[in-house]
């Protein structure tokens, strides 16, 4: 049921019964009716209710808060019964068949299986027992989180033991087992790991508890050795795998060694203004170690923000950037090293429908015959390219910063989260914007740019002072003491009265 002024609107669910159709929307709002999407999103929720009321169509708007306290099923059941529909739960086999035959549900199932795999490794990395995990769950004051966690553990515990039995039966082991077994070997076997004069540790910021134990065991076997570690707290982005940033912050205390710190402050990858922009951004978190980064004064590496005016789609801006590079570089474009980065791997699928694009694999696309690597922000660590294009710099849950990153269940196994808001997302963004030698392009929707972009771009702040705060696409116009949106013909009803 599209509206002439809102052809992009589609309800979350439609339910047909006889000649009638009922509509259901699930919107991101808490119990108080607030939304982290902001005021424009709340106005959109109100517009949906008014639209269906004017059409006199059966309509229900559910909030995510209804899901959290389990009232969503009660509200939905009552709504359906008012329409003459009696809901019933399908048989489990029927549900599974429906999932398998529905591509979107298959993706959801695959995502859950991936989560189970990750949780197995997190659980083993944490060295935590099920008894301790259960005790921590009881301390959670959120009743929904407790119910959800208990339901997950009922499923996870037998799967974990079955996984461990399978490894034993096949004499197999995973990476966590390799670390844990090596630690036991160092402790139990007299000559194991003995006689080292030097121990070198790279990526010290990524240490997890079990890897920390292995290094401690090796050092204990070799009391006279020298320990050399290299790490960058600005690039600590693997908390979800168990890394603990305090192990590098409190290095001396954890390793009980007389230490000397040296700062590596010279970069050969990029120049200004990337140095200034990236350093100012990451050190807004006062916990990050202060460094004075220097680069080649002859190298110019700008960070550009490019906005797409198409609602819900930032990829047209990507096309503009690639076309511009193609036209400016001429014959040199074929040799230009490009990299597309996004917060999540699944963003590559959005490029399949774009003109001249072909998705070749999970890690590469082709545009006009040129192969361009693609990766997530996490996988971009260590990469260097001529030009880097960062997709999905939007203020959405799966944009940047991601607001649905670490699951509460995983939080129980990981190091304590930092007090600074989006601390790890901030470091992840720092990694993404420091990969390019020549230029970085940050792509976002004009309606929902990431708050991180406002921190690094004066031009964006100036632009948004002129844009309508409601629809984020029209310009503010003024007549007398009234400001209104240039999109008033298309449904934006923003008005502001100024004092006379």
Protein backbone atom coordinates (compact mmCIF):
# COMPACT_ATOMS: atom_id res chain seq x y z
CA UNK A 1 0.00 0.00 0.00
CA UNK A 2 2.47 2.71 -1.11
CA UNK A 3 1.61 6.38 -0.58
CA UNK A 4 2.15 8.86 -3.46
CA UNK A 5 4.52 10.97 -1.34
CA UNK A 6 6.16 7.92 0.28
CA UNK A 7 6.65 5.23 -2.37
CA UNK A 8 9.40 3.70 -0.21
CA UNK A 9 7.05 2.86 2.68
CA UNK A 10 6.23 -0.80 3.22
CA UNK A 11 4.80 -2.24 6.47
CA UNK A 12 6.87 -4.83 8.33
CA UNK A 13 4.13 -7.47 7.83
CA UNK A 14 0.93 -7.85 5.80
CA UNK A 15 -1.76 -10.40 6.67
CA UNK A 16 -4.43 -11.19 4.10
CA UNK A 17 -7.79 -12.65 5.16
CA UNK A 18 -10.61 -12.90 2.67
CA UNK A 19 -10.77 -9.67 0.69
CA UNK A 20 -9.15 -7.63 3.47
CA UNK A 21 -5.55 -7.05 4.49
CA UNK A 22 -4.16 -6.16 7.92
CA UNK A 23 -0.85 -4.35 8.39
CA UNK A 24 1.70 -4.62 11.20
CA UNK A 25 4.79 -2.50 11.80
CA UNK A 26 7.54 -3.33 14.31
CA UNK A 27 9.27 -0.07 15.20
CA UNK A 28 12.37 0.69 17.26
CA UNK A 29 10.92 2.34 20.37
CA UNK A 30 11.35 1.77 24.10
CA UNK A 31 8.63 1.66 26.77
CA UNK A 32 8.60 5.46 27.02
CA UNK A 33 8.15 5.74 23.24
CA UNK A 34 11.68 7.02 22.61
CA UNK A 35 13.91 5.85 19.77
CA UNK A 36 17.67 5.97 19.27
CA UNK A 37 16.88 6.84 15.62
CA UNK A 38 15.85 10.30 16.82
CA UNK A 39 12.98 12.72 16.25
CA UNK A 40 12.66 12.16 12.50
CA UNK A 41 12.02 8.46 13.08
CA UNK A 42 9.32 9.19 15.67
CA UNK A 43 7.60 11.52 13.20
CA UNK A 44 7.71 8.70 10.65
CA UNK A 45 6.03 6.32 13.14
CA UNK A 46 3.27 8.88 13.65
CA UNK A 47 2.90 9.31 9.87
CA UNK A 48 2.34 5.54 9.48
CA UNK A 49 -0.45 5.53 12.06
CA UNK A 50 -2.15 8.54 10.44
CA UNK A 51 -1.84 7.01 6.96
CA UNK A 52 -3.55 3.75 7.91
CA UNK A 53 -6.17 5.60 9.94
CA UNK A 54 -7.03 7.70 6.87
CA UNK A 55 -7.21 4.53 4.75
CA UNK A 56 -9.34 2.83 7.47
CA UNK A 57 -7.12 -0.23 7.13
CA UNK A 58 -6.54 -2.61 10.09
CA UNK A 59 -3.18 -1.56 11.50
CA UNK A 60 -1.04 -2.43 14.53
CA UNK A 61 2.20 -0.72 15.49
CA UNK A 62 4.36 -2.84 17.80
CA UNK A 63 7.41 -1.52 19.64
CA UNK A 64 10.66 -3.36 20.29
CA UNK A 65 9.85 -2.81 23.98
CA UNK A 66 6.80 -5.08 23.44
CA UNK A 67 9.16 -7.79 22.24
CA UNK A 68 11.48 -7.37 25.19
CA UNK A 69 8.76 -7.83 27.82
CA UNK A 70 7.02 -10.55 25.73
CA UNK A 71 3.78 -8.55 25.45
CA UNK A 72 4.25 -8.51 21.66
CA UNK A 73 2.51 -11.90 21.35
CA UNK A 74 -0.42 -10.79 23.51
CA UNK A 75 -0.93 -7.56 21.55
CA UNK A 76 -0.59 -9.31 18.19
CA UNK A 77 -2.99 -12.10 19.20
CA UNK A 78 -5.65 -9.61 20.33
CA UNK A 79 -5.25 -7.59 17.14
CA UNK A 80 -5.67 -10.68 14.93
CA UNK A 81 -8.71 -11.89 16.89
CA UNK A 82 -10.38 -8.51 16.33
CA UNK A 83 -9.95 -9.15 12.61
CA UNK A 84 -11.56 -12.59 12.97
CA UNK A 85 -8.26 -14.49 12.78
CA UNK A 86 -7.40 -17.10 15.42
CA UNK A 87 -3.61 -17.50 15.55
CA UNK A 88 -2.07 -20.93 16.17
CA UNK A 89 1.51 -22.11 16.38
CA UNK A 90 2.68 -24.30 13.52
CA UNK A 91 4.31 -27.68 14.06
CA UNK A 92 8.10 -27.55 14.51
CA UNK A 93 8.71 -29.50 11.30
CA UNK A 94 6.48 -27.07 9.38
CA UNK A 95 8.36 -24.09 10.85
CA UNK A 96 11.70 -25.59 9.83
CA UNK A 97 10.45 -26.27 6.29
CA UNK A 98 9.20 -22.68 6.04
CA UNK A 99 12.60 -21.37 7.19
CA UNK A 100 14.46 -23.49 4.65
CA UNK A 101 12.22 -22.31 1.81
CA UNK A 102 12.46 -18.61 2.75
CA UNK A 103 15.79 -17.00 1.77
CA UNK A 104 15.61 -14.24 4.39
CA UNK A 105 14.82 -16.71 7.18
CA UNK A 106 17.65 -18.96 5.99
CA UNK A 107 19.99 -16.00 6.40
CA UNK A 108 18.69 -15.48 9.93
CA UNK A 109 19.28 -19.16 10.72
CA UNK A 110 22.80 -19.00 9.26
CA UNK A 111 23.49 -15.90 11.37
CA UNK A 112 22.38 -17.74 14.50
CA UNK A 113 24.61 -20.71 13.65
CA UNK A 114 27.53 -18.30 13.15
CA UNK A 115 26.73 -16.79 16.54
CA UNK A 116 26.80 -20.25 18.15
CA UNK A 117 30.22 -20.91 16.61
CA UNK A 118 31.54 -17.59 17.88
CA UNK A 119 30.07 -18.15 21.33
CA UNK A 120 31.79 -21.53 21.64
CA UNK A 121 35.17 -19.87 21.05
CA UNK A 122 34.34 -16.94 23.35
CA UNK A 123 33.32 -19.36 26.09
CA UNK A 124 36.52 -21.38 25.75
CA UNK A 125 38.67 -18.23 25.50
CA UNK A 126 37.19 -16.82 28.70
CA UNK A 127 38.17 -19.91 30.76
CA UNK A 128 34.76 -19.58 32.43
CA UNK A 129 32.68 -22.51 33.73
CA UNK A 130 28.95 -22.99 33.22
CA UNK A 131 28.44 -22.67 36.99
CA UNK A 132 30.12 -19.26 37.06
CA UNK A 133 28.26 -18.15 33.96
CA UNK A 134 24.92 -19.10 35.56
CA UNK A 135 25.83 -17.16 38.73
CA UNK A 136 26.55 -14.06 36.66
CA UNK A 137 23.23 -14.42 34.85
CA UNK A 138 21.36 -14.29 38.16
CA UNK A 139 22.94 -10.91 38.92
CA UNK A 140 21.35 -9.32 35.83
CA UNK A 141 18.47 -7.08 36.89
CA UNK A 142 16.87 -7.09 33.42
CA UNK A 143 14.16 -9.78 33.50
CA UNK A 144 14.04 -10.03 29.70
CA UNK A 145 17.82 -10.48 29.49
CA UNK A 146 17.67 -13.23 32.14
CA UNK A 147 14.86 -15.11 30.35
CA UNK A 148 16.66 -14.80 27.02
CA UNK A 149 19.97 -15.97 28.49
CA UNK A 150 18.43 -18.98 30.22
CA UNK A 151 16.71 -20.01 26.99
CA UNK A 152 19.98 -19.67 25.07
CA UNK A 153 21.97 -21.68 27.62
CA UNK A 154 19.43 -24.53 27.52
CA UNK A 155 20.26 -24.78 23.83
CA UNK A 156 23.96 -23.95 24.03
CA UNK A 157 25.08 -26.29 26.83
CA UNK A 158 24.27 -29.62 25.06
CA UNK A 159 25.65 -28.23 21.77
CA UNK A 160 28.90 -27.29 23.50
CA UNK A 161 29.33 -30.72 25.05
CA UNK A 162 28.46 -32.40 21.74
CA UNK A 163 31.09 -30.24 19.99
CA UNK A 164 33.69 -31.18 22.58
CA UNK A 165 32.85 -34.90 22.25
CA UNK A 166 33.14 -34.64 18.45
CA UNK A 167 36.62 -33.12 18.78
CA UNK A 168 37.66 -35.89 21.19
CA UNK A 169 36.24 -38.65 18.97
CA UNK A 170 38.08 -37.29 15.92
CA UNK A 171 41.26 -36.33 17.82
CA UNK A 172 40.68 -32.78 16.67
CA UNK A 173 41.19 -29.38 18.21
CA UNK A 174 40.40 -25.76 17.42
CA UNK A 175 42.59 -22.68 17.80
CA UNK A 176 41.58 -22.12 21.44
CA UNK A 177 42.51 -25.74 22.22
CA UNK A 178 45.93 -25.16 20.65
CA UNK A 179 46.59 -22.26 23.03
CA UNK A 180 45.21 -24.05 26.10
CA UNK A 181 47.05 -27.32 25.37
CA UNK A 182 50.29 -25.42 24.77
CA UNK A 183 49.89 -23.71 28.15
CA UNK A 184 49.40 -27.06 29.88
CA UNK A 185 52.42 -28.52 28.07
CA UNK A 186 54.64 -25.62 29.19
CA UNK A 187 53.56 -26.16 32.78
CA UNK A 188 53.63 -29.98 32.85
CA UNK A 189 56.65 -30.88 30.69
CA UNK A 190 59.99 -29.96 32.26
CA UNK A 191 61.92 -29.11 29.09
CA UNK A 192 59.03 -27.62 27.12
CA UNK A 193 59.61 -23.95 26.13
CA UNK A 194 62.80 -23.81 28.14
CA UNK A 195 65.96 -22.00 27.07
CA UNK A 196 64.49 -18.92 25.40
CA UNK A 197 66.60 -15.76 25.62
CA UNK A 198 64.01 -13.54 23.91
CA UNK A 199 60.22 -13.64 23.74
CA UNK A 200 58.63 -11.39 21.12
CA UNK A 201 54.91 -10.57 21.17
CA UNK A 202 53.14 -8.78 18.32
CA UNK A 203 49.62 -7.23 18.45
CA UNK A 204 49.77 -7.06 22.25
CA UNK A 205 46.48 -5.16 22.35
CA UNK A 206 44.69 -8.33 21.21
CA UNK A 207 45.72 -10.51 24.17
CA UNK A 208 42.95 -12.71 25.57
CA UNK A 209 43.06 -14.44 28.99
CA UNK A 210 44.18 -17.83 27.62
CA UNK A 211 46.94 -16.32 25.44
CA UNK A 212 48.04 -14.23 28.41
CA UNK A 213 48.38 -17.43 30.48
CA UNK A 214 50.52 -19.04 27.78
CA UNK A 215 52.93 -16.09 27.67
CA UNK A 216 53.11 -15.97 31.47
CA UNK A 217 53.92 -19.70 31.52
CA UNK A 218 56.74 -19.25 28.97
CA UNK A 219 58.20 -16.30 30.90
CA UNK A 220 58.06 -18.28 34.15
CA UNK A 221 60.07 -21.07 32.48
CA UNK A 222 62.71 -18.55 31.34
CA UNK A 223 63.27 -16.06 34.19
CA UNK A 224 66.32 -14.48 32.54
CA UNK A 225 64.83 -13.84 29.11
CA UNK A 226 63.96 -10.47 27.63
CA UNK A 227 60.33 -9.81 26.72
CA UNK A 228 59.61 -7.47 23.79
CA UNK A 229 55.99 -6.57 22.98
CA UNK A 230 54.50 -4.36 20.25
CA UNK A 231 50.93 -3.13 20.49
CA UNK A 232 48.71 -0.19 19.62
CA UNK A 233 45.84 0.60 21.97
CA UNK A 234 44.36 2.80 19.21
CA UNK A 235 43.77 -0.39 17.20
CA UNK A 236 42.27 -2.58 19.91
CA UNK A 237 39.17 -3.80 18.04
CA UNK A 238 38.80 -7.47 19.02
CA UNK A 239 37.03 -7.41 22.36
CA UNK A 240 34.43 -9.75 20.84
CA UNK A 241 37.13 -12.46 20.56
CA UNK A 242 38.20 -12.01 24.19
CA UNK A 243 40.98 -9.41 23.98
CA UNK A 244 41.59 -7.35 27.11
CA UNK A 245 42.85 -3.82 26.68
CA UNK A 246 43.87 -3.56 30.34
CA UNK A 247 46.66 -6.07 29.64
CA UNK A 248 48.48 -3.41 27.60
CA UNK A 249 47.43 -0.42 29.74
CA UNK A 250 48.69 -2.12 32.93
CA UNK A 251 51.49 -4.06 31.28
CA UNK A 252 53.95 -3.70 34.16
CA UNK A 253 51.47 -4.90 36.78
CA UNK A 254 50.25 -7.92 34.79
CA UNK A 255 53.69 -9.16 33.78
CA UNK A 256 55.57 -8.09 36.95
CA UNK A 257 58.56 -6.98 34.92
CA UNK A 258 60.81 -3.93 34.89
CA UNK A 259 59.73 -2.30 31.64
CA UNK A 260 60.56 0.59 29.37
CA UNK A 261 57.99 2.03 26.98
CA UNK A 262 58.78 3.53 23.59
CA UNK A 263 56.18 5.22 21.40
CA UNK A 264 56.13 4.57 17.65
CA UNK A 265 54.97 7.91 16.25
CA UNK A 266 56.17 7.85 12.64
CA UNK A 267 53.82 6.65 9.89
CA UNK A 268 54.88 6.01 6.30
CA UNK A 269 51.39 5.24 4.99
CA UNK A 270 49.52 8.55 4.96
CA UNK A 271 49.98 12.26 5.47
CA UNK A 272 47.88 15.26 6.41
CA UNK A 273 45.00 15.86 6.92
CA UNK A 274 44.39 12.17 7.72
CA UNK A 275 46.95 12.37 10.56
CA UNK A 276 45.19 15.30 12.23
CA UNK A 277 41.65 14.00 11.62
CA UNK A 278 42.32 10.45 12.81
CA UNK A 279 44.41 11.40 15.86
CA UNK A 280 41.99 14.07 17.07
CA UNK A 281 39.12 11.63 16.64
CA UNK A 282 40.54 8.60 18.46
CA UNK A 283 42.03 10.57 21.36
CA UNK A 284 38.71 12.11 22.32
CA UNK A 285 38.56 9.00 24.46
CA UNK A 286 40.80 10.14 27.36
CA UNK A 287 41.83 6.54 28.09
CA UNK A 288 43.77 6.22 24.82
CA UNK A 289 47.54 6.69 25.07
CA UNK A 290 48.60 10.11 23.77
CA UNK A 291 50.93 10.04 20.74
CA UNK A 292 52.20 12.72 18.36
CA UNK A 293 51.95 11.02 14.96
CA UNK A 294 54.25 12.29 12.21
CA UNK A 295 54.15 11.52 8.50
CA UNK A 296 55.76 12.49 5.22
CA UNK A 297 55.17 16.27 4.90
CA UNK A 298 55.04 15.89 1.10
CA UNK A 299 52.17 13.36 1.22
CA UNK A 300 48.60 14.71 1.07
CA UNK A 301 45.87 12.26 2.15
CA UNK A 302 42.42 13.87 2.45
CA UNK A 303 39.37 12.35 4.16
CA UNK A 304 36.24 13.15 2.12
CA UNK A 305 32.58 12.80 3.13
CA UNK A 306 30.22 11.98 0.24
CA UNK A 307 26.45 11.93 0.80
CA UNK A 308 23.73 10.11 -1.11
CA UNK A 309 20.36 11.85 -1.37
CA UNK A 310 18.53 8.57 -2.03
CA UNK A 311 16.65 7.56 1.10
CA UNK A 312 17.73 4.20 2.51
CA UNK A 313 20.55 3.73 0.01
CA UNK A 314 24.07 5.17 0.11
CA UNK A 315 25.47 3.24 -2.87
CA UNK A 316 24.71 5.97 -5.48
CA UNK A 317 27.39 8.03 -3.71
CA UNK A 318 29.80 5.11 -4.18
CA UNK A 319 29.10 5.21 -7.91
CA UNK A 320 29.83 8.95 -7.98
CA UNK A 321 33.18 8.43 -6.26
CA UNK A 322 34.24 5.61 -8.60
CA UNK A 323 33.14 7.56 -11.69
CA UNK A 324 35.07 10.61 -10.49
CA UNK A 325 38.21 8.53 -9.89
CA UNK A 326 37.82 6.85 -13.28
CA UNK A 327 37.47 10.16 -15.12
CA UNK A 328 40.25 11.96 -13.25
CA UNK A 329 42.82 9.15 -13.36
CA UNK A 330 42.21 8.26 -17.01
CA UNK A 331 44.61 5.47 -18.03
CA UNK A 332 46.12 5.31 -14.50
CA UNK A 333 42.78 4.12 -13.07
CA UNK A 334 43.56 0.52 -14.09
CA UNK A 335 46.64 0.53 -11.82
CA UNK A 336 44.98 2.37 -8.92
CA UNK A 337 44.73 0.18 -5.80
CA UNK A 338 41.18 0.53 -4.45
CA UNK A 339 39.53 -0.95 -1.37
CA UNK A 340 35.87 -0.89 -0.31
CA UNK A 341 35.31 -1.25 3.45
CA UNK A 342 32.09 -1.50 5.45
CA UNK A 343 31.17 -2.17 9.06
CA UNK A 344 29.77 -5.61 8.24
CA UNK A 345 30.54 -8.21 5.58
CA UNK A 346 26.91 -8.46 4.44
CA UNK A 347 26.97 -4.93 3.00
CA UNK A 348 28.64 -6.34 -0.12
CA UNK A 349 25.28 -7.83 -1.18
CA UNK A 350 23.87 -4.32 -1.68
CA UNK A 351 26.30 -3.75 -4.54
CA UNK A 352 24.92 -6.60 -6.65
CA UNK A 353 22.02 -4.51 -7.97
CA UNK A 354 24.11 -1.40 -8.71
CA UNK A 355 24.91 -0.42 -12.35
CA UNK A 356 28.15 -1.90 -13.71
CA UNK A 357 28.73 -3.87 -10.48
CA UNK A 358 29.22 -7.63 -10.17
CA UNK A 359 29.79 -9.31 -6.80
CA UNK A 360 32.52 -11.87 -7.50
CA UNK A 361 32.84 -13.32 -4.00
CA UNK A 362 32.43 -12.35 -0.35
CA UNK A 363 35.66 -10.36 -0.68
CA UNK A 364 35.64 -8.79 -4.15
CA UNK A 365 33.45 -6.90 -6.60
CA UNK A 366 33.95 -5.88 -10.21
CA UNK A 367 33.10 -2.40 -11.50
CA UNK A 368 33.47 -1.79 -15.23
CA UNK A 369 35.83 -4.73 -15.36
CA UNK A 370 38.09 -3.53 -12.53
CA UNK A 371 38.29 -5.89 -9.56
CA UNK A 372 37.97 -4.06 -6.22
CA UNK A 373 38.60 -5.90 -2.91
CA UNK A 374 35.91 -5.66 -0.23
CA UNK A 375 36.23 -6.32 3.49
CA UNK A 376 34.75 -5.48 6.87
CA UNK A 377 36.35 -2.86 9.08
CA UNK A 378 37.81 -5.55 11.31
CA UNK A 379 39.48 -7.29 8.37
CA UNK A 380 40.85 -4.00 7.06
CA UNK A 381 43.42 -3.85 9.88
CA UNK A 382 46.86 -4.11 8.28
CA UNK A 383 45.66 -3.21 4.76
CA UNK A 384 47.23 -0.40 2.73
CA UNK A 385 45.67 0.88 -0.52
CA UNK A 386 45.89 3.99 -2.71
CA UNK A 387 42.22 4.88 -2.21
CA UNK A 388 39.81 3.54 0.41
CA UNK A 389 36.01 3.92 0.20
CA UNK A 390 34.08 3.29 3.42
CA UNK A 391 30.41 2.35 2.92
CA UNK A 392 27.46 2.61 5.32
CA UNK A 393 28.66 5.50 7.46
CA UNK A 394 25.07 5.87 8.61
CA UNK A 395 23.46 6.37 12.01
CA UNK A 396 21.60 3.03 11.85
CA UNK A 397 21.94 -0.06 14.08
CA UNK A 398 24.20 -1.74 11.51
CA UNK A 399 25.94 1.44 10.42
CA UNK A 400 28.68 3.30 12.29
CA UNK A 401 28.85 3.22 15.22
CA UNK A 402 27.03 -0.09 15.33
CA UNK A 403 24.46 0.07 18.11
CA UNK A 404 23.80 -3.69 18.09
CA UNK A 405 27.36 -4.92 18.23
CA UNK A 406 28.01 -7.05 21.31
CA UNK A 407 25.26 -9.33 22.54
CA UNK A 408 24.58 -9.18 26.32
CA UNK A 409 25.30 -12.92 26.50
CA UNK A 410 28.73 -12.34 25.00
CA UNK A 411 29.35 -9.46 27.40
CA UNK A 412 29.32 -11.96 30.27
CA UNK A 413 32.38 -13.67 28.75
CA UNK A 414 34.29 -10.59 27.67
CA UNK A 415 36.35 -7.94 29.42
CA UNK A 416 34.45 -5.15 31.11
CA UNK A 417 33.21 -2.56 28.62
CA UNK A 418 34.85 0.86 28.76
CA UNK A 419 33.09 3.85 30.28
CA UNK A 420 33.58 5.98 27.17
CA UNK A 421 30.66 5.77 24.73
CA UNK A 422 31.35 3.59 21.65
CA UNK A 423 35.03 3.31 22.65
CA UNK A 424 35.78 0.27 20.49
CA UNK A 425 33.62 1.50 17.58
CA UNK A 426 35.66 4.70 17.69
CA UNK A 427 38.89 2.72 17.39
CA UNK A 428 37.37 0.63 14.60
CA UNK A 429 36.54 3.80 12.67
CA UNK A 430 40.10 5.03 13.25
CA UNK A 431 41.42 1.82 11.66
CA UNK A 432 39.12 2.26 8.65
CA UNK A 433 40.18 5.85 7.89
CA UNK A 434 43.92 5.15 8.17
CA UNK A 435 44.25 2.56 5.38
CA UNK A 436 44.77 4.88 2.40
CA UNK A 437 47.94 6.40 0.92
CA UNK A 438 46.15 8.96 -1.29
CA UNK A 439 42.56 9.51 -0.18
CA UNK A 440 39.68 8.14 1.92
CA UNK A 441 36.02 8.55 0.94
CA UNK A 442 33.29 8.10 3.58
CA UNK A 443 29.87 7.26 2.12
CA UNK A 444 26.60 8.00 3.94
CA UNK A 445 22.93 8.74 3.41
CA UNK A 446 22.10 12.40 3.54
CA UNK A 447 19.19 11.69 5.89
CA UNK A 448 21.13 9.59 8.44
CA UNK A 449 24.87 10.35 8.52
CA UNK A 450 26.92 8.83 11.32
CA UNK A 451 27.59 11.12 14.30
CA UNK A 452 31.27 10.27 13.77
CA UNK A 453 31.15 12.21 10.50
CA UNK A 454 30.08 15.38 12.27
CA UNK A 455 33.15 15.07 14.50
CA UNK A 456 35.59 15.06 11.58
CA UNK A 457 33.90 17.28 8.96
CA UNK A 458 33.31 21.02 9.34
CA UNK A 459 31.67 21.04 5.89
CA UNK A 460 29.06 18.51 7.03
CA UNK A 461 28.21 20.57 10.10
CA UNK A 462 27.74 23.68 7.93
CA UNK A 463 25.53 21.74 5.50
CA UNK A 464 23.27 20.38 8.22
CA UNK A 465 22.63 23.79 9.67
CA UNK A 466 20.79 24.48 6.40
CA UNK A 467 18.88 21.17 6.21
CA UNK A 468 15.45 20.41 7.60
CA UNK A 469 15.95 18.63 10.97
CA UNK A 470 12.94 16.41 10.27
CA UNK A 471 13.38 14.95 6.79
CA UNK A 472 17.13 15.72 6.42
CA UNK A 473 16.74 16.19 2.67
CA UNK A 474 14.93 19.50 2.19
CA UNK A 475 16.42 22.94 2.83
CA UNK A 476 15.05 25.30 5.45
CA UNK A 477 13.18 28.25 3.96
CA UNK A 478 11.94 31.30 5.84
CA UNK A 479 8.94 33.53 5.35
CA UNK A 480 8.43 36.22 7.95
CA UNK A 481 8.90 34.63 11.36
CA UNK A 482 8.22 31.08 10.07
CA UNK A 483 10.86 28.56 8.94
CA UNK A 484 9.58 25.64 6.87
CA UNK A 485 10.96 22.80 4.75
CA UNK A 486 11.31 22.95 0.98
CA UNK A 487 9.81 19.44 0.92
CA UNK A 488 6.44 20.66 2.25
CA UNK A 489 4.86 19.67 -1.10
CA UNK A 490 6.03 16.09 -0.50
CA UNK A 491 4.73 15.60 3.01
CA UNK A 492 7.31 17.21 5.33
CA UNK A 493 5.35 19.36 7.78
CA UNK A 494 8.28 20.91 9.66
CA UNK A 495 7.52 24.43 10.93
CA UNK A 496 9.34 26.66 13.39
CA UNK A 497 8.16 30.03 14.68
CA UNK A 498 10.84 32.60 15.46
CA UNK A 499 10.38 35.37 18.03
CA UNK A 500 9.16 38.57 16.40
